[in-house]
């Protein structure tokens, strides 16, 4: 469990770093162009990794529901939105609000799936994140 927590923490740090880098590119270009290059470079990197992994089309992919295929489009909205927000709100506030949004949507999805969770503690976590964003604002 500790390894998974550390992995999630590191992934969260990479999301913030990625948003900062793309926000910088968006300042020089636009949020849309920055998002395009982010995904193009990511596609090339993923293609190289996939070549070494050995398969572009995993078993079971053809049977996945249509909803499973729109994650990339949602990712485009996330990256483009983050690239637009970072120069305007700053990295800390944007990151805090993104984490709060992720936490809140995670609570809602856990509720919808009937996951065993302590609802009030999860909502308290979202409130603490929002409080941190409020305190750290300029």
Foldseek 3Di string as FASTA:
>chain_A
DVVVVVVVVVVLVVVLVLLVVLLVVCVVPNLLVSLVVVVVVVVVVVVVVVVVVPDPDDPPPVVDDPVVVCVVVVVSVVSSVSSHCCVPFNSLLSSLVVVLVVLVVVLVVCVVVVHDDDNVVSVVVSVVSVVVSVVPGD
